Amino acid sequence: MFSRTYASPGGHVTMTEVRSATKDKKLDGRTQRRGYRGPYQRRCVDEPELYVRYMQLLMAIMEILEVPIYSSKKSNHLYTCRQKICLLVLRQKLKLSYEQLEKGLPNYKSALHAIGLDVYYPEKSTLCRFENKLDPEILEAVVNAFSVFCKKKMRHRY
């Protein structure tokens, strides 16, 4: 049988020794499909980047569903309905209370920048009143469309 000799830091190793060492291992289906190219690794996405993608996806969903930008023309134009809905869905996704969300919002600056909130953030009372005033069908439609894209079940708590 033909064998090649490779130099290694610990001495010389023949190719037949390398092959016999790899044959002893049991192979799972994924390794058999991929060969010996190394472990299967998913592309890891940083959490801040993930939340930015979530916010961009939510804004696109609300544009498709034609969610109004403001509830009325006389409303305070400090925050849009879409921005508040994004924050409500983020609160629901992270399973936070209104107080925890309000304290944690400065940690998500890149995600907030994606929806247009740069300087001011809505308070917990603003979000709570908005959620009570908002039509539940709109919020349910946004959450359902978002959960389809995220492949994770999210239900709105009433």
C-alpha atoms as a PDB file:
ATOM      1  CA  MET A   1       0.000   0.000   0.000  1.00  0.00           C
ATOM      2  CA  PHE A   2       1.232   3.459  -0.894  1.00  0.00           C
ATOM      3  CA  SER A   3       1.726   5.864   2.009  1.00  0.00           C
ATOM      4  CA  ARG A   4       2.956   9.409   2.119  1.00  0.00           C
ATOM      5  CA  THR A   5       4.977  10.845   4.951  1.00  0.00           C
ATOM      6  CA  TYR A   6       4.208  14.333   6.246  1.00  0.00           C
ATOM      7  CA  ALA A   7       6.383  16.337   8.553  1.00  0.00           C
ATOM      8  CA  SER A   8       4.618  17.477  11.684  1.00  0.00           C
ATOM      9  CA  PRO A   9       5.826  19.244  14.821  1.00  0.00           C
ATOM     10  CA  GLY A  10       5.771  15.961  16.745  1.00  0.00           C
ATOM     11  CA  GLY A  11       7.548  13.908  14.107  1.00  0.00           C
ATOM     12  CA  HIS A  12       6.652  12.186  10.842  1.00  0.00           C
ATOM     13  CA  VAL A  13       3.099  10.934  10.275  1.00  0.00           C
ATOM     14  CA  THR A  14       2.084   8.688   7.410  1.00  0.00           C
ATOM     15  CA  MET A  15      -1.064   9.255   5.382  1.00  0.00           C
ATOM     16  CA  THR A  16      -2.411   5.814   6.297  1.00  0.00           C
ATOM     17  CA  GLU A  17      -2.264   6.784   9.979  1.00  0.00           C
ATOM     18  CA  VAL A  18      -4.211   9.962   9.241  1.00  0.00           C
ATOM     19  CA  ARG A  19      -6.895   8.063   7.294  1.00  0.00           C
ATOM     20  CA  SER A  20      -7.263   5.392   9.952  1.00  0.00           C
ATOM     21  CA  ALA A  21      -7.654   8.061  12.629  1.00  0.00           C
ATOM     22  CA  THR A  22     -10.468   9.751  10.686  1.00  0.00           C
ATOM     23  CA  LYS A  23     -12.276   6.461   9.956  1.00  0.00           C
ATOM     24  CA  ASP A  24     -12.660   5.718  13.657  1.00  0.00           C
ATOM     25  CA  LYS A  25     -14.951   8.714  14.159  1.00  0.00           C
ATOM     26  CA  LYS A  26     -18.671   8.238  13.654  1.00  0.00           C
ATOM     27  CA  LEU A  27     -20.141  10.611  11.090  1.00  0.00           C
ATOM     28  CA  ASP A  28     -23.499  12.288  11.370  1.00  0.00           C
ATOM     29  CA  GLY A  29     -25.591  13.123   8.322  1.00  0.00           C
ATOM     30  CA  ARG A  30     -24.523  16.752   8.164  1.00  0.00           C
ATOM     31  CA  THR A  31     -20.813  15.854   8.166  1.00  0.00           C
ATOM     32  CA  GLN A  32     -21.387  13.264   5.463  1.00  0.00           C
ATOM     33  CA  ARG A  33     -23.111  15.837   3.270  1.00  0.00           C
ATOM     34  CA  ARG A  34     -20.498  18.523   3.884  1.00  0.00           C
ATOM     35  CA  GLY A  35     -17.470  16.254   3.845  1.00  0.00           C
ATOM     36  CA  TYR A  36     -14.488  17.140   5.984  1.00  0.00           C
ATOM     37  CA  ARG A  37     -14.705  20.873   5.424  1.00  0.00           C
ATOM     38  CA  GLY A  38     -15.067  21.585   9.102  1.00  0.00           C
ATOM     39  CA  PRO A  39     -17.994  22.090  11.426  1.00  0.00           C
ATOM     40  CA  TYR A  40     -21.224  23.500  10.101  1.00  0.00           C
ATOM     41  CA  GLN A  41     -21.510  27.098  11.222  1.00  0.00           C
ATOM     42  CA  ARG A  42     -24.350  29.494  10.737  1.00  0.00           C
ATOM     43  CA  ARG A  43     -23.507  33.088  10.075  1.00  0.00           C
ATOM     44  CA  CYS A  44     -23.744  34.778  13.422  1.00  0.00           C
ATOM     45  CA  VAL A  45     -25.483  38.165  13.436  1.00  0.00           C
ATOM     46  CA  ASP A  46     -24.731  40.623  16.208  1.00  0.00           C
ATOM     47  CA  GLU A  47     -27.732  41.551  18.336  1.00  0.00           C
ATOM     48  CA  PRO A  48     -27.671  45.283  17.546  1.00  0.00           C
ATOM     49  CA  GLU A  49     -27.594  44.494  13.829  1.00  0.00           C
ATOM     50  CA  LEU A  50     -30.421  42.010  14.320  1.00  0.00           C
ATOM     51  CA  TYR A  51     -32.624  44.634  15.975  1.00  0.00           C
ATOM     52  CA  VAL A  52     -31.879  47.068  13.163  1.00  0.00           C
ATOM     53  CA  ARG A  53     -33.075  44.437  10.701  1.00  0.00           C
ATOM     54  CA  TYR A  54     -36.181  43.853  12.810  1.00  0.00           C
ATOM     55  CA  MET A  55     -37.008  47.552  12.776  1.00  0.00           C
ATOM     56  CA  GLN A  56     -36.448  47.845   9.027  1.00  0.00           C
ATOM     57  CA  LEU A  57     -38.643  44.801   8.474  1.00  0.00           C
ATOM     58  CA  LEU A  58     -41.384  46.222  10.689  1.00  0.00           C
ATOM     59  CA  MET A  59     -41.349  49.551   8.876  1.00  0.00           C
ATOM     60  CA  ALA A  60     -41.602  47.764   5.522  1.00  0.00           C
ATOM     61  CA  ILE A  61     -44.474  45.592   6.787  1.00  0.00           C
ATOM     62  CA  MET A  62     -46.376  48.637   8.027  1.00  0.00           C
ATOM     63  CA  GLU A  63     -45.878  50.394   4.722  1.00  0.00           C
ATOM     64  CA  ILE A  64     -47.284  47.364   2.878  1.00  0.00           C
ATOM     65  CA  LEU A  65     -50.219  47.116   5.307  1.00  0.00           C
ATOM     66  CA  GLU A  66     -50.777  50.872   4.872  1.00  0.00           C
ATOM     67  CA  VAL A  67     -50.682  51.682   8.575  1.00  0.00           C
ATOM     68  CA  PRO A  68     -51.304  55.439   8.899  1.00  0.00           C
ATOM     69  CA  ILE A  69     -48.316  57.570   9.776  1.00  0.00           C
ATOM     70  CA  TYR A  70     -50.292  59.705  12.249  1.00  0.00           C
ATOM     71  CA  SER A  71     -53.598  58.864  13.886  1.00  0.00           C
ATOM     72  CA  SER A  72     -55.061  62.279  13.017  1.00  0.00           C
ATOM     73  CA  LYS A  73     -53.836  65.496  11.513  1.00  0.00           C
ATOM     74  CA  LYS A  74     -54.210  67.272  14.862  1.00  0.00           C
ATOM     75  CA  SER A  75     -52.102  64.733  16.750  1.00  0.00           C
ATOM     76  CA  ASN A  76     -48.738  65.620  18.227  1.00  0.00           C
ATOM     77  CA  HIS A  77     -46.229  64.967  15.437  1.00  0.00           C
ATOM     78  CA  LEU A  78     -43.372  64.088  17.786  1.00  0.00           C
ATOM     79  CA  TYR A  79     -43.641  60.301  17.184  1.00  0.00           C
ATOM     80  CA  THR A  80     -45.369  58.497  14.347  1.00  0.00           C
ATOM     81  CA  CYS A  81     -47.783  55.602  14.809  1.00  0.00           C
ATOM     82  CA  ARG A  82     -45.320  53.353  12.995  1.00  0.00           C
ATOM     83  CA  GLN A  83     -42.496  54.222  15.379  1.00  0.00           C
ATOM     84  CA  LYS A  84     -44.679  53.486  18.385  1.00  0.00           C
ATOM     85  CA  ILE A  85     -45.838  50.183  16.895  1.00  0.00           C
ATOM     86  CA  CYS A  86     -42.189  49.225  16.301  1.00  0.00           C
ATOM     87  CA  LEU A  87     -41.433  49.908  19.954  1.00  0.00           C
ATOM     88  CA  LEU A  88     -44.467  47.908  21.085  1.00  0.00           C
ATOM     89  CA  VAL A  89     -43.412  44.932  18.980  1.00  0.00           C
ATOM     90  CA  LEU A  90     -39.836  45.243  20.280  1.00  0.00           C
ATOM     91  CA  ARG A  91     -41.188  45.294  23.836  1.00  0.00           C
ATOM     92  CA  GLN A  92     -43.210  42.187  23.112  1.00  0.00           C
ATOM     93  CA  LYS A  93     -40.282  40.417  21.406  1.00  0.00           C
ATOM     94  CA  LEU A  94     -37.911  41.142  24.289  1.00  0.00           C
ATOM     95  CA  LYS A  95     -40.642  40.316  26.865  1.00  0.00           C
ATOM     96  CA  LEU A  96     -40.134  43.542  28.789  1.00  0.00           C
ATOM     97  CA  SER A  97     -42.452  45.744  30.789  1.00  0.00           C
ATOM     98  CA  TYR A  98     -42.992  49.374  29.830  1.00  0.00           C
ATOM     99  CA  GLU A  99     -40.599  50.510  32.567  1.00  0.00           C
ATOM    100  CA  GLN A 100     -37.869  48.107  31.471  1.00  0.00           C
ATOM    101  CA  LEU A 101     -38.287  49.173  27.850  1.00  0.00           C
ATOM    102  CA  GLU A 102     -38.084  52.843  28.754  1.00  0.00           C
ATOM    103  CA  LYS A 103     -34.879  52.308  30.736  1.00  0.00           C
ATOM    104  CA  GLY A 104     -33.353  50.057  28.062  1.00  0.00           C
ATOM    105  CA  LEU A 105     -34.134  52.131  24.964  1.00  0.00           C
ATOM    106  CA  PRO A 106     -30.818  54.046  24.966  1.00  0.00           C
ATOM    107  CA  ASN A 107     -29.053  50.671  24.558  1.00  0.00           C
ATOM    108  CA  TYR A 108     -30.683  50.164  21.153  1.00  0.00           C
ATOM    109  CA  LYS A 109     -29.509  53.370  19.479  1.00  0.00           C
ATOM    110  CA  SER A 110     -28.827  51.822  16.079  1.00  0.00           C
ATOM    111  CA  ALA A 111     -32.269  50.174  15.989  1.00  0.00           C
ATOM    112  CA  LEU A 112     -33.961  53.402  17.064  1.00  0.00           C
ATOM    113  CA  HIS A 113     -32.019  55.317  14.423  1.00  0.00           C
ATOM    114  CA  ALA A 114     -33.388  52.882  11.803  1.00  0.00           C
ATOM    115  CA  ILE A 115     -36.960  53.938  12.612  1.00  0.00           C
ATOM    116  CA  GLY A 116     -36.152  57.629  12.920  1.00  0.00           C
ATOM    117  CA  LEU A 117     -35.885  58.068  16.695  1.00  0.00           C
ATOM    118  CA  ASP A 118     -32.597  59.813  17.293  1.00  0.00           C
ATOM    119  CA  VAL A 119     -32.919  62.329  20.117  1.00  0.00           C
ATOM    120  CA  TYR A 120     -36.169  61.731  21.989  1.00  0.00           C
ATOM    121  CA  TYR A 121     -37.698  58.437  23.058  1.00  0.00           C
ATOM    122  CA  PRO A 122     -41.353  57.976  24.006  1.00  0.00           C
ATOM    123  CA  GLU A 123     -42.120  57.501  27.678  1.00  0.00           C
ATOM    124  CA  LYS A 124     -43.926  54.485  29.073  1.00  0.00           C
ATOM    125  CA  SER A 125     -47.164  56.452  29.477  1.00  0.00           C
ATOM    126  CA  THR A 126     -47.081  57.414  25.793  1.00  0.00           C
ATOM    127  CA  LEU A 127     -46.679  53.806  24.691  1.00  0.00           C
ATOM    128  CA  CYS A 128     -49.289  52.514  27.141  1.00  0.00           C
ATOM    129  CA  ARG A 129     -51.903  55.082  26.039  1.00  0.00           C
ATOM    130  CA  PHE A 130     -51.088  54.441  22.401  1.00  0.00           C
ATOM    131  CA  GLU A 131     -51.514  50.687  22.788  1.00  0.00           C
ATOM    132  CA  ASN A 132     -54.877  51.144  24.507  1.00  0.00           C
ATOM    133  CA  LYS A 133     -56.037  53.604  21.837  1.00  0.00           C
ATOM    134  CA  LEU A 134     -54.734  51.629  18.851  1.00  0.00           C
ATOM    135  CA  ASP A 135     -57.078  49.373  16.901  1.00  0.00           C
ATOM    136  CA  PRO A 136     -56.183  45.792  17.974  1.00  0.00           C
ATOM    137  CA  GLU A 137     -56.623  44.498  14.420  1.00  0.00           C
ATOM    138  CA  ILE A 138     -53.796  46.701  13.146  1.00  0.00           C
ATOM    139  CA  LEU A 139     -51.392  45.570  15.855  1.00  0.00           C
ATOM    140  CA  GLU A 140     -52.409  41.931  15.395  1.00  0.00           C
ATOM    141  CA  ALA A 141     -51.854  42.139  11.619  1.00  0.00           C
ATOM    142  CA  VAL A 142     -48.390  43.661  12.093  1.00  0.00           C
ATOM    143  CA  VAL A 143     -47.408  41.084  14.728  1.00  0.00           C
ATOM    144  CA  ASN A 144     -48.663  38.186  12.568  1.00  0.00           C
ATOM    145  CA  ALA A 145     -46.774  39.404   9.497  1.00  0.00           C
ATOM    146  CA  PHE A 146     -43.647  39.980  11.584  1.00  0.00           C
ATOM    147  CA  SER A 147     -43.834  36.516  13.170  1.00  0.00           C
ATOM    148  CA  VAL A 148     -44.109  34.930   9.715  1.00  0.00           C
ATOM    149  CA  PHE A 149     -40.852  36.574   8.682  1.00  0.00           C
ATOM    150  CA  CYS A 150     -39.121  35.793  11.988  1.00  0.00           C
ATOM    151  CA  LYS A 151     -40.360  32.170  12.002  1.00  0.00           C
ATOM    152  CA  LYS A 152     -41.150  32.437  15.674  1.00  0.00           C
ATOM    153  CA  LYS A 153     -44.566  32.564  17.228  1.00  0.00           C
ATOM    154  CA  MET A 154     -45.389  35.886  18.806  1.00  0.00           C
ATOM    155  CA  ARG A 155     -48.803  36.566  20.237  1.00  0.00           C
ATOM    156  CA  HIS A 156     -50.086  39.896  21.325  1.00  0.00           C
ATOM    157  CA  ARG A 157     -51.037  40.045  24.985  1.00  0.00           C
ATOM    158  CA  TYR A 158     -54.234  41.942  25.671  1.00  0.00           C
END
